[in-house]
Amino acid sequence: MAPGRETPAPESLDAGLLTMLEGRHLSPAQRRIAQFMLDNLPDSVFLSSVELAQRAGVSQPSVTRFATALGFAGYPDLRRALQPLVTGSNGRKSTSDGNEFQVAIDTDIRRLEALRAQLDNPEPLLRTGRALAKSVPLAVLGLRVSAAVAQSFGYRAKRVHPDVRVITQGDVVFDELLRARQSGATWLLAFVFPRYPVAAMESLDYAKRLGMRCAVVTDRALMPAADRADELLVAGVNDRLVFDSHATPLMLSMLILKAMVDSQPKRAQRRLEEFEVMARDSGIFLPE
């Protein structure tokens, strides 16, 4: 990177490149290039086609074909389209400022800003919410580290949806998916974050064999579960800490829930009112 250039928020590049990739059918080599670029932003957008090919482990013509697959005349045009996102500034200070704890928080803030930018087109989120609301029961999957997000979503979703089944144990996931399908489930909502458990991939495959559709919430559009998703929603994780922060995926899970509620408002309101009556009569919470 040229001396004096401010370190950009890489998520602005993420959003721009992910927008270009959306809906594209890429070859394995092209997917490898795309993933390398996403993993190595912002520096990757300053590489020549030869350098990019070498570092991604593909041929130089593959880089050219990758650019044309995204609608550009060649790789130089793709690079010129991405480089302004590096030099552009949103007014936020460089992440080199502040101590390591502040830098970690800044990373989550930028992840949230990237999610906000994606929602300039809210239709995929609204479409997913409508579909999940109609699935009774609704199966929700989260294995290993993804279990916490699935459980958080499921705890709240049960307040507004008549039958939510949260699956977090890999040894019974097929049993639970089968029972959900036998009971009428048409959709599985799966949270799949690094390090991408093999059992999660197998569970998505099994759900598809059962005839269920899959909505997948993950951290990047090119991760392994993407090919298994009927609806794919992306929320970046923060890897600046000892363990990844899932603040942005948690926010996305709440937005999915809002979209579900908005698609079935009367049902949600009735269930919330019934819960409040039960909570009051049972003395569950401290008096306000």
C-alpha atoms as a PDB file:
ATOM      1  CA  MET A   1       0.000   0.000   0.000  1.00  0.00           C
ATOM      2  CA  ALA A   2       1.344   3.450  -0.852  1.00  0.00           C
ATOM      3  CA  PRO A   3       2.936   5.440   2.008  1.00  0.00           C
ATOM      4  CA  GLY A   4       0.530   7.759   3.768  1.00  0.00           C
ATOM      5  CA  ARG A   5      -2.627   6.003   2.591  1.00  0.00           C
ATOM      6  CA  GLU A   6      -5.088   5.581   5.418  1.00  0.00           C
ATOM      7  CA  THR A   7      -5.879   1.976   6.265  1.00  0.00           C
ATOM      8  CA  PRO A   8      -9.451   1.541   5.000  1.00  0.00           C
ATOM      9  CA  ALA A   9     -12.265  -0.263   6.645  1.00  0.00           C
ATOM     10  CA  PRO A  10     -11.986  -3.577   4.755  1.00  0.00           C
ATOM     11  CA  GLU A  11     -15.685  -4.238   5.165  1.00  0.00           C
ATOM     12  CA  SER A  12     -16.482  -1.457   2.678  1.00  0.00           C
ATOM     13  CA  LEU A  13     -14.477  -3.460   0.170  1.00  0.00           C
ATOM     14  CA  ASP A  14     -16.175  -6.638   1.355  1.00  0.00           C
ATOM     15  CA  ALA A  15     -19.564  -5.131   0.621  1.00  0.00           C
ATOM     16  CA  GLY A  16     -18.494  -3.882  -2.805  1.00  0.00           C
ATOM     17  CA  LEU A  17     -16.911  -7.148  -3.880  1.00  0.00           C
ATOM     18  CA  LEU A  18     -19.729  -9.252  -2.434  1.00  0.00           C
ATOM     19  CA  THR A  19     -22.240  -7.159  -4.385  1.00  0.00           C
ATOM     20  CA  MET A  20     -20.296  -7.912  -7.578  1.00  0.00           C
ATOM     21  CA  LEU A  21     -20.242 -11.626  -6.728  1.00  0.00           C
ATOM     22  CA  GLU A  22     -23.944 -11.883  -5.908  1.00  0.00           C
ATOM     23  CA  GLY A  23     -25.769 -14.260  -8.223  1.00  0.00           C
ATOM     24  CA  ARG A  24     -22.653 -15.178 -10.224  1.00  0.00           C
ATOM     25  CA  HIS A  25     -21.911 -18.781 -11.137  1.00  0.00           C
ATOM     26  CA  LEU A  26     -18.167 -19.124 -10.639  1.00  0.00           C
ATOM     27  CA  SER A  27     -15.840 -21.980 -11.481  1.00  0.00           C
ATOM     28  CA  PRO A  28     -13.760 -23.518  -8.675  1.00  0.00           C
ATOM     29  CA  ALA A  29     -10.736 -21.463  -9.770  1.00  0.00           C
ATOM     30  CA  GLN A  30     -12.804 -18.283  -9.847  1.00  0.00           C
ATOM     31  CA  ARG A  31     -14.214 -19.012  -6.386  1.00  0.00           C
ATOM     32  CA  ARG A  32     -10.641 -19.468  -5.172  1.00  0.00           C
ATOM     33  CA  ILE A  33      -9.689 -16.054  -6.551  1.00  0.00           C
ATOM     34  CA  ALA A  34     -12.727 -14.420  -4.987  1.00  0.00           C
ATOM     35  CA  GLN A  35     -12.045 -15.975  -1.607  1.00  0.00           C
ATOM     36  CA  PHE A  36      -8.378 -14.942  -1.734  1.00  0.00           C
ATOM     37  CA  MET A  37      -9.366 -11.366  -2.494  1.00  0.00           C
ATOM     38  CA  LEU A  38     -11.912 -11.283   0.323  1.00  0.00           C
ATOM     39  CA  ASP A  39      -9.440 -12.780   2.777  1.00  0.00           C
ATOM     40  CA  ASN A  40      -6.687 -10.341   1.830  1.00  0.00           C
ATOM     41  CA  LEU A  41      -8.474  -7.021   1.443  1.00  0.00           C
ATOM     42  CA  PRO A  42      -7.463  -4.267   0.906  1.00  0.00           C
ATOM     43  CA  ASP A  43      -4.029  -5.292  -0.392  1.00  0.00           C
ATOM     44  CA  SER A  44      -5.389  -7.774  -2.928  1.00  0.00           C
ATOM     45  CA  VAL A  45      -6.967  -5.020  -5.056  1.00  0.00           C
ATOM     46  CA  PHE A  46      -3.511  -3.560  -5.755  1.00  0.00           C
ATOM     47  CA  LEU A  47      -2.030  -6.808  -7.102  1.00  0.00           C
ATOM     48  CA  SER A  48      -1.383  -7.335 -10.783  1.00  0.00           C
ATOM     49  CA  SER A  49      -3.175 -10.191 -12.489  1.00  0.00           C
ATOM     50  CA  VAL A  50       0.035 -12.236 -12.423  1.00  0.00           C
ATOM     51  CA  GLU A  51       0.588 -11.568  -8.704  1.00  0.00           C
ATOM     52  CA  LEU A  52      -3.026 -12.371  -7.887  1.00  0.00           C
ATOM     53  CA  ALA A  53      -2.840 -15.617  -9.860  1.00  0.00           C
ATOM     54  CA  GLN A  54       0.333 -16.698  -8.087  1.00  0.00           C
ATOM     55  CA  ARG A  55      -0.977 -15.952  -4.616  1.00  0.00           C
ATOM     56  CA  ALA A  56      -4.383 -17.509  -5.230  1.00  0.00           C
ATOM     57  CA  GLY A  57      -2.791 -20.597  -6.789  1.00  0.00           C
ATOM     58  CA  VAL A  58      -4.490 -20.310 -10.182  1.00  0.00           C
ATOM     59  CA  SER A  59      -3.427 -19.448 -13.720  1.00  0.00           C
ATOM     60  CA  GLN A  60      -3.259 -15.857 -14.968  1.00  0.00           C
ATOM     61  CA  PRO A  61      -6.010 -16.500 -17.580  1.00  0.00           C
ATOM     62  CA  SER A  62      -8.249 -17.606 -14.687  1.00  0.00           C
ATOM     63  CA  VAL A  63      -7.919 -14.110 -13.226  1.00  0.00           C
ATOM     64  CA  THR A  64      -8.976 -12.588 -16.531  1.00  0.00           C
ATOM     65  CA  ARG A  65     -11.941 -14.951 -16.792  1.00  0.00           C
ATOM     66  CA  PHE A  66     -12.865 -14.119 -13.196  1.00  0.00           C
ATOM     67  CA  ALA A  67     -13.048 -10.418 -14.058  1.00  0.00           C
ATOM     68  CA  THR A  68     -15.142 -11.046 -17.172  1.00  0.00           C
ATOM     69  CA  ALA A  69     -17.471 -13.307 -15.154  1.00  0.00           C
ATOM     70  CA  LEU A  70     -18.171 -10.260 -12.966  1.00  0.00           C
ATOM     71  CA  GLY A  71     -19.051  -8.195 -16.023  1.00  0.00           C
ATOM     72  CA  PHE A  72     -15.758  -6.371 -16.621  1.00  0.00           C
ATOM     73  CA  ALA A  73     -13.774  -6.190 -19.843  1.00  0.00           C
ATOM     74  CA  GLY A  74     -10.705  -7.445 -17.991  1.00  0.00           C
ATOM     75  CA  TYR A  75      -8.931  -7.534 -14.667  1.00  0.00           C
ATOM     76  CA  PRO A  76      -7.655  -3.930 -14.846  1.00  0.00           C
ATOM     77  CA  ASP A  77     -11.259  -2.705 -15.026  1.00  0.00           C
ATOM     78  CA  LEU A  78     -12.204  -4.786 -11.984  1.00  0.00           C
ATOM     79  CA  ARG A  79      -9.236  -3.429 -10.055  1.00  0.00           C
ATOM     80  CA  ARG A  80     -10.112   0.150 -10.982  1.00  0.00           C
ATOM     81  CA  ALA A  81     -13.666  -0.416  -9.764  1.00  0.00           C
ATOM     82  CA  LEU A  82     -12.495  -1.642  -6.356  1.00  0.00           C
ATOM     83  CA  GLN A  83      -9.601   0.710  -5.648  1.00  0.00           C
ATOM     84  CA  PRO A  84     -11.752   3.820  -4.988  1.00  0.00           C
ATOM     85  CA  LEU A  85     -13.276   1.948  -2.042  1.00  0.00           C
ATOM     86  CA  VAL A  86      -9.801   1.859  -0.517  1.00  0.00           C
ATOM     87  CA  THR A  87      -9.082   5.548  -0.859  1.00  0.00           C
ATOM     88  CA  GLY A  88     -12.606   6.640   0.038  1.00  0.00           C
ATOM     89  CA  SER A  89     -13.159   7.719   3.645  1.00  0.00           C
ATOM     90  CA  ASN A  90     -16.265   7.497   5.777  1.00  0.00           C
ATOM     91  CA  GLY A  91     -14.839   9.806   8.425  1.00  0.00           C
ATOM     92  CA  ARG A  92     -13.871   7.059  10.842  1.00  0.00           C
ATOM     93  CA  LYS A  93     -10.360   7.087  12.204  1.00  0.00           C
ATOM     94  CA  SER A  94      -7.941   4.388  11.116  1.00  0.00           C
ATOM     95  CA  THR A  95      -8.168   1.193  13.131  1.00  0.00           C
ATOM     96  CA  SER A  96      -4.500   1.674  14.022  1.00  0.00           C
ATOM     97  CA  ASP A  97      -5.659   4.310  16.544  1.00  0.00           C
ATOM     98  CA  GLY A  98      -6.603   3.225  20.043  1.00  0.00           C
ATOM     99  CA  ASN A  99      -5.619   0.249  22.141  1.00  0.00           C
ATOM    100  CA  GLU A 100      -6.264  -3.370  21.217  1.00  0.00           C
ATOM    101  CA  PHE A 101      -9.640  -3.412  22.969  1.00  0.00           C
ATOM    102  CA  GLN A 102     -10.816  -0.309  21.114  1.00  0.00           C
ATOM    103  CA  VAL A 103      -9.567  -1.752  17.823  1.00  0.00           C
ATOM    104  CA  ALA A 104     -11.605  -4.913  18.481  1.00  0.00           C
ATOM    105  CA  ILE A 105     -14.719  -2.828  19.106  1.00  0.00           C
ATOM    106  CA  ASP A 106     -14.055  -0.782  15.957  1.00  0.00           C
ATOM    107  CA  THR A 107     -13.935  -4.031  13.986  1.00  0.00           C
ATOM    108  CA  ASP A 108     -17.409  -4.989  15.188  1.00  0.00           C
ATOM    109  CA  ILE A 109     -18.666  -1.509  14.342  1.00  0.00           C
ATOM    110  CA  ARG A 110     -17.402  -1.882  10.790  1.00  0.00           C
ATOM    111  CA  ARG A 111     -18.976  -5.326  10.504  1.00  0.00           C
ATOM    112  CA  LEU A 112     -22.293  -3.745  11.503  1.00  0.00           C
ATOM    113  CA  GLU A 113     -21.802  -0.947   8.990  1.00  0.00           C
ATOM    114  CA  ALA A 114     -21.215  -3.541   6.269  1.00  0.00           C
ATOM    115  CA  LEU A 115     -24.443  -5.293   7.245  1.00  0.00           C
ATOM    116  CA  ARG A 116     -26.278  -1.982   7.137  1.00  0.00           C
ATOM    117  CA  ALA A 117     -24.940  -1.356   3.624  1.00  0.00           C
ATOM    118  CA  GLN A 118     -26.154  -4.778   2.473  1.00  0.00           C
ATOM    119  CA  LEU A 119     -29.645  -3.862   3.631  1.00  0.00           C
ATOM    120  CA  ASP A 120     -29.926  -1.103   1.065  1.00  0.00           C
ATOM    121  CA  ASN A 121     -31.730  -3.986  -0.625  1.00  0.00           C
ATOM    122  CA  PRO A 122     -33.775  -5.572   2.185  1.00  0.00           C
ATOM    123  CA  GLU A 123     -35.712  -7.971  -0.041  1.00  0.00           C
ATOM    124  CA  PRO A 124     -33.593 -11.099   0.690  1.00  0.00           C
ATOM    125  CA  LEU A 125     -34.094 -10.499   4.421  1.00  0.00           C
ATOM    126  CA  LEU A 126     -37.828  -9.833   4.052  1.00  0.00           C
ATOM    127  CA  ARG A 127     -38.260 -12.862   1.791  1.00  0.00           C
ATOM    128  CA  THR A 128     -36.453 -15.064   4.292  1.00  0.00           C
ATOM    129  CA  GLY A 129     -38.563 -13.753   7.167  1.00  0.00           C
ATOM    130  CA  ARG A 130     -41.794 -14.485   5.312  1.00  0.00           C
ATOM    131  CA  ALA A 131     -40.701 -18.014   4.456  1.00  0.00           C
ATOM    132  CA  LEU A 132     -39.535 -18.874   7.978  1.00  0.00           C
ATOM    133  CA  ALA A 133     -42.708 -17.493   9.542  1.00  0.00           C
ATOM    134  CA  LYS A 134     -44.807 -19.857   7.428  1.00  0.00           C
ATOM    135  CA  SER A 135     -42.828 -22.961   8.390  1.00  0.00           C
ATOM    136  CA  VAL A 136     -44.569 -24.702  11.315  1.00  0.00           C
ATOM    137  CA  PRO A 137     -42.574 -26.083  12.947  1.00  0.00           C
ATOM    138  CA  LEU A 138     -39.475 -24.042  12.213  1.00  0.00           C
ATOM    139  CA  ALA A 139     -36.187 -25.901  12.629  1.00  0.00           C
ATOM    140  CA  VAL A 140     -33.188 -23.850  13.781  1.00  0.00           C
ATOM    141  CA  LEU A 141     -29.667 -25.275  13.651  1.00  0.00           C
ATOM    142  CA  GLY A 142     -26.462 -24.120  15.301  1.00  0.00           C
ATOM    143  CA  LEU A 143     -23.587 -26.461  16.115  1.00  0.00           C
ATOM    144  CA  ARG A 144     -20.530 -25.818  18.287  1.00  0.00           C
ATOM    145  CA  VAL A 145     -19.751 -22.095  18.453  1.00  0.00           C
ATOM    146  CA  SER A 146     -22.817 -21.286  16.322  1.00  0.00           C
ATOM    147  CA  ALA A 147     -25.082 -22.826  18.960  1.00  0.00           C
ATOM    148  CA  ALA A 148     -25.145 -19.643  21.038  1.00  0.00           C
ATOM    149  CA  VAL A 149     -26.591 -17.579  18.184  1.00  0.00           C
ATOM    150  CA  ALA A 150     -29.133 -20.290  17.364  1.00  0.00           C
ATOM    151  CA  GLN A 151     -30.243 -20.528  20.997  1.00  0.00           C
ATOM    152  CA  SER A 152     -30.532 -16.759  21.327  1.00  0.00           C
ATOM    153  CA  PHE A 153     -32.661 -16.610  18.189  1.00  0.00           C
ATOM    154  CA  GLY A 154     -34.757 -19.596  19.244  1.00  0.00           C
ATOM    155  CA  TYR A 155     -35.466 -18.237  22.731  1.00  0.00           C
ATOM    156  CA  ARG A 156     -36.992 -15.085  21.257  1.00  0.00           C
ATOM    157  CA  ALA A 157     -38.600 -16.725  18.242  1.00  0.00           C
ATOM    158  CA  LYS A 158     -40.625 -19.023  20.511  1.00  0.00           C
ATOM    159  CA  ARG A 159     -42.423 -15.937  21.829  1.00  0.00           C
ATOM    160  CA  VAL A 160     -43.871 -15.107  18.418  1.00  0.00           C
ATOM    161  CA  HIS A 161     -43.859 -18.397  16.458  1.00  0.00           C
ATOM    162  CA  PRO A 162     -46.013 -21.402  17.396  1.00  0.00           C
ATOM    163  CA  ASP A 163     -43.333 -24.107  17.112  1.00  0.00           C
ATOM    164  CA  VAL A 164     -39.585 -23.448  17.021  1.00  0.00           C
ATOM    165  CA  ARG A 165     -37.198 -26.385  17.380  1.00  0.00           C
ATOM    166  CA  VAL A 166     -33.603 -25.451  18.137  1.00  0.00           C
ATOM    167  CA  ILE A 167     -31.011 -28.115  17.328  1.00  0.00           C
ATOM    168  CA  THR A 168     -27.549 -27.702  18.826  1.00  0.00           C
ATOM    169  CA  GLN A 169     -26.372 -31.285  19.410  1.00  0.00           C
ATOM    170  CA  GLY A 170     -24.700 -32.923  16.434  1.00  0.00           C
ATOM    171  CA  ASP A 171     -25.354 -36.493  17.585  1.00  0.00           C
ATOM    172  CA  VAL A 172     -29.147 -36.066  17.348  1.00  0.00           C
ATOM    173  CA  VAL A 173     -29.427 -33.559  14.542  1.00  0.00           C
ATOM    174  CA  PHE A 174     -30.719 -36.048  11.955  1.00  0.00           C
ATOM    175  CA  ASP A 175     -33.316 -37.342  14.423  1.00  0.00           C
ATOM    176  CA  GLU A 176     -34.516 -33.818  15.175  1.00  0.00           C
ATOM    177  CA  LEU A 177     -34.628 -32.798  11.534  1.00  0.00           C
ATOM    178  CA  LEU A 178     -36.625 -35.890  10.651  1.00  0.00           C
ATOM    179  CA  ARG A 179     -39.125 -35.237  13.444  1.00  0.00           C
ATOM    180  CA  ALA A 180     -39.467 -31.605  12.412  1.00  0.00           C
ATOM    181  CA  ARG A 181     -40.105 -32.598   8.817  1.00  0.00           C
ATOM    182  CA  GLN A 182     -42.621 -35.242   9.844  1.00  0.00           C
ATOM    183  CA  SER A 183     -44.436 -32.544  11.823  1.00  0.00           C
ATOM    184  CA  GLY A 184     -44.666 -30.275   8.785  1.00  0.00           C
ATOM    185  CA  ALA A 185     -41.471 -28.192   8.786  1.00  0.00           C
ATOM    186  CA  THR A 186     -40.669 -26.766   5.369  1.00  0.00           C
ATOM    187  CA  TRP A 187     -37.634 -24.635   6.309  1.00  0.00           C
ATOM    188  CA  LEU A 188     -34.423 -24.962   8.274  1.00  0.00           C
ATOM    189  CA  LEU A 189     -32.655 -21.840   9.511  1.00  0.00           C
ATOM    190  CA  ALA A 190     -28.978 -22.695   9.979  1.00  0.00           C
ATOM    191  CA  PHE A 191     -26.319 -20.547  11.640  1.00  0.00           C
ATOM    192  CA  VAL A 192     -22.914 -21.659  10.353  1.00  0.00           C
ATOM    193  CA  PHE A 193     -19.789 -19.787  11.440  1.00  0.00           C
ATOM    194  CA  PRO A 194     -16.069 -20.597  11.452  1.00  0.00           C
ATOM    195  CA  ARG A 195     -14.702 -23.167  11.803  1.00  0.00           C
ATOM    196  CA  TYR A 196     -17.595 -24.632   9.791  1.00  0.00           C
ATOM    197  CA  PRO A 197     -18.382 -28.002  11.413  1.00  0.00           C
ATOM    198  CA  VAL A 198     -18.602 -30.930   9.039  1.00  0.00           C
ATOM    199  CA  ALA A 199     -21.793 -31.940  10.858  1.00  0.00           C
ATOM    200  CA  ALA A 200     -23.395 -28.647   9.840  1.00  0.00           C
ATOM    201  CA  MET A 201     -22.718 -29.359   6.164  1.00  0.00           C
ATOM    202  CA  GLU A 202     -24.087 -32.888   6.545  1.00  0.00           C
ATOM    203  CA  SER A 203     -27.164 -31.553   8.333  1.00  0.00           C
ATOM    204  CA  LEU A 204     -27.925 -29.142   5.515  1.00  0.00           C
ATOM    205  CA  ASP A 205     -27.539 -31.952   2.984  1.00  0.00           C
ATOM    206  CA  TYR A 206     -29.872 -34.160   5.016  1.00  0.00           C
ATOM    207  CA  ALA A 207     -32.476 -31.411   5.347  1.00  0.00           C
ATOM    208  CA  LYS A 208     -32.426 -30.991   1.571  1.00  0.00           C
ATOM    209  CA  ARG A 209     -32.909 -34.746   1.118  1.00  0.00           C
ATOM    210  CA  LEU A 210     -35.932 -34.535   3.399  1.00  0.00           C
ATOM    211  CA  GLY A 211     -37.406 -31.905   1.091  1.00  0.00           C
ATOM    212  CA  MET A 212     -36.776 -28.926   3.367  1.00  0.00           C
ATOM    213  CA  ARG A 213     -35.466 -25.588   2.163  1.00  0.00           C
ATOM    214  CA  CYS A 214     -32.501 -24.012   3.923  1.00  0.00           C
ATOM    215  CA  ALA A 215     -31.842 -20.435   4.986  1.00  0.00           C
ATOM    216  CA  VAL A 216     -28.191 -20.074   5.989  1.00  0.00           C
ATOM    217  CA  VAL A 217     -26.697 -17.275   8.062  1.00  0.00           C
ATOM    218  CA  THR A 218     -22.931 -17.262   7.749  1.00  0.00           C
ATOM    219  CA  ASP A 219     -19.943 -14.928   7.691  1.00  0.00           C
ATOM    220  CA  ARG A 220     -19.088 -14.910   3.995  1.00  0.00           C
ATOM    221  CA  ALA A 221     -20.816 -15.563   0.713  1.00  0.00           C
ATOM    222  CA  LEU A 222     -18.226 -18.049  -0.525  1.00  0.00           C
ATOM    223  CA  MET A 223     -18.103 -20.379   2.462  1.00  0.00           C
ATOM    224  CA  PRO A 224     -18.915 -24.097   1.977  1.00  0.00           C
ATOM    225  CA  ALA A 225     -22.561 -23.896   3.072  1.00  0.00           C
ATOM    226  CA  ALA A 226     -23.389 -21.276   0.431  1.00  0.00           C
ATOM    227  CA  ASP A 227     -24.097 -23.891  -2.235  1.00  0.00           C
ATOM    228  CA  ARG A 228     -26.601 -25.562   0.065  1.00  0.00           C
ATOM    229  CA  ALA A 229     -28.590 -22.396   0.819  1.00  0.00           C
ATOM    230  CA  ASP A 230     -31.921 -21.491  -0.727  1.00  0.00           C
ATOM    231  CA  GLU A 231     -31.553 -18.152   1.052  1.00  0.00           C
ATOM    232  CA  LEU A 232     -28.098 -16.901   2.095  1.00  0.00           C
ATOM    233  CA  LEU A 233     -27.651 -14.041   4.562  1.00  0.00           C
ATOM    234  CA  VAL A 234     -24.153 -12.807   5.400  1.00  0.00           C
ATOM    235  CA  ALA A 235     -22.916 -11.177   8.605  1.00  0.00           C
ATOM    236  CA  GLY A 236     -19.198 -10.896   9.255  1.00  0.00           C
ATOM    237  CA  VAL A 237     -17.610 -12.146  12.452  1.00  0.00           C
ATOM    238  CA  ASN A 238     -14.864 -10.291  14.337  1.00  0.00           C
ATOM    239  CA  ASP A 239     -11.675 -12.333  14.570  1.00  0.00           C
ATOM    240  CA  ARG A 240      -9.634  -9.682  16.410  1.00  0.00           C
ATOM    241  CA  LEU A 241     -10.135 -11.420  19.766  1.00  0.00           C
ATOM    242  CA  VAL A 242      -9.115 -14.772  21.232  1.00  0.00           C
ATOM    243  CA  PHE A 243     -12.557 -16.061  20.214  1.00  0.00           C
ATOM    244  CA  ASP A 244     -14.631 -14.596  17.389  1.00  0.00           C
ATOM    245  CA  SER A 245     -17.241 -12.011  18.274  1.00  0.00           C
ATOM    246  CA  HIS A 246     -20.676 -12.728  16.811  1.00  0.00           C
ATOM    247  CA  ALA A 247     -22.148  -9.295  17.508  1.00  0.00           C
ATOM    248  CA  THR A 248     -23.115  -8.735  13.873  1.00  0.00           C
ATOM    249  CA  PRO A 249     -24.618 -12.225  13.350  1.00  0.00           C
ATOM    250  CA  LEU A 250     -26.666 -11.660  16.520  1.00  0.00           C
ATOM    251  CA  MET A 251     -27.963  -8.392  15.087  1.00  0.00           C
ATOM    252  CA  LEU A 252     -28.831 -10.131  11.817  1.00  0.00           C
ATOM    253  CA  SER A 253     -30.685 -12.847  13.734  1.00  0.00           C
ATOM    254  CA  MET A 254     -32.824 -10.164  15.392  1.00  0.00           C
ATOM    255  CA  LEU A 255     -33.516  -8.572  12.002  1.00  0.00           C
ATOM    256  CA  ILE A 256     -34.659 -11.948  10.679  1.00  0.00           C
ATOM    257  CA  LEU A 257     -36.976 -12.233  13.657  1.00  0.00           C
ATOM    258  CA  LYS A 258     -38.384  -8.764  13.001  1.00  0.00           C
ATOM    259  CA  ALA A 259     -39.020  -9.711   9.386  1.00  0.00           C
ATOM    260  CA  MET A 260     -40.855 -12.817  10.601  1.00  0.00           C
ATOM    261  CA  VAL A 261     -42.984 -10.774  13.000  1.00  0.00           C
ATOM    262  CA  ASP A 262     -43.763  -8.175  10.339  1.00  0.00           C
ATOM    263  CA  SER A 263     -45.025 -10.913   8.027  1.00  0.00           C
ATOM    264  CA  GLN A 264     -47.389 -12.355  10.678  1.00  0.00           C
ATOM    265  CA  PRO A 265     -48.123  -9.361  12.969  1.00  0.00           C
ATOM    266  CA  LYS A 266     -51.445 -10.517  14.417  1.00  0.00           C
ATOM    267  CA  ARG A 267     -50.109 -13.927  15.373  1.00  0.00           C
ATOM    268  CA  ALA A 268     -47.027 -12.392  16.949  1.00  0.00           C
ATOM    269  CA  GLN A 269     -49.041  -9.816  18.902  1.00  0.00           C
ATOM    270  CA  ARG A 270     -51.425 -12.456  20.235  1.00  0.00           C
ATOM    271  CA  ARG A 271     -48.603 -14.663  21.409  1.00  0.00           C
ATOM    272  CA  LEU A 272     -46.736 -11.782  23.033  1.00  0.00           C
ATOM    273  CA  GLU A 273     -49.843 -10.725  24.915  1.00  0.00           C
ATOM    274  CA  GLU A 274     -50.435 -14.278  26.115  1.00  0.00           C
ATOM    275  CA  PHE A 275     -46.847 -14.465  27.352  1.00  0.00           C
ATOM    276  CA  GLU A 276     -47.182 -11.186  29.244  1.00  0.00           C
ATOM    277  CA  VAL A 277     -50.300 -12.449  31.005  1.00  0.00           C
ATOM    278  CA  MET A 278     -48.536 -15.664  31.971  1.00  0.00           C
ATOM    279  CA  ALA A 279     -45.430 -13.797  33.139  1.00  0.00           C
ATOM    280  CA  ARG A 280     -47.485 -11.424  35.284  1.00  0.00           C
ATOM    281  CA  ASP A 281     -49.628 -14.138  36.824  1.00  0.00           C
ATOM    282  CA  SER A 282     -46.585 -16.326  37.524  1.00  0.00           C
ATOM    283  CA  GLY A 283     -44.393 -13.573  38.920  1.00  0.00           C
ATOM    284  CA  ILE A 284     -41.523 -14.473  36.590  1.00  0.00           C
ATOM    285  CA  PHE A 285     -39.933 -11.029  36.616  1.00  0.00           C
ATOM    286  CA  LEU A 286     -39.268  -8.432  39.272  1.00  0.00           C
ATOM    287  CA  PRO A 287     -41.875  -5.653  39.450  1.00  0.00           C
ATOM    288  CA  GLU A 288     -41.064  -2.702  37.256  1.00  0.00           C
END
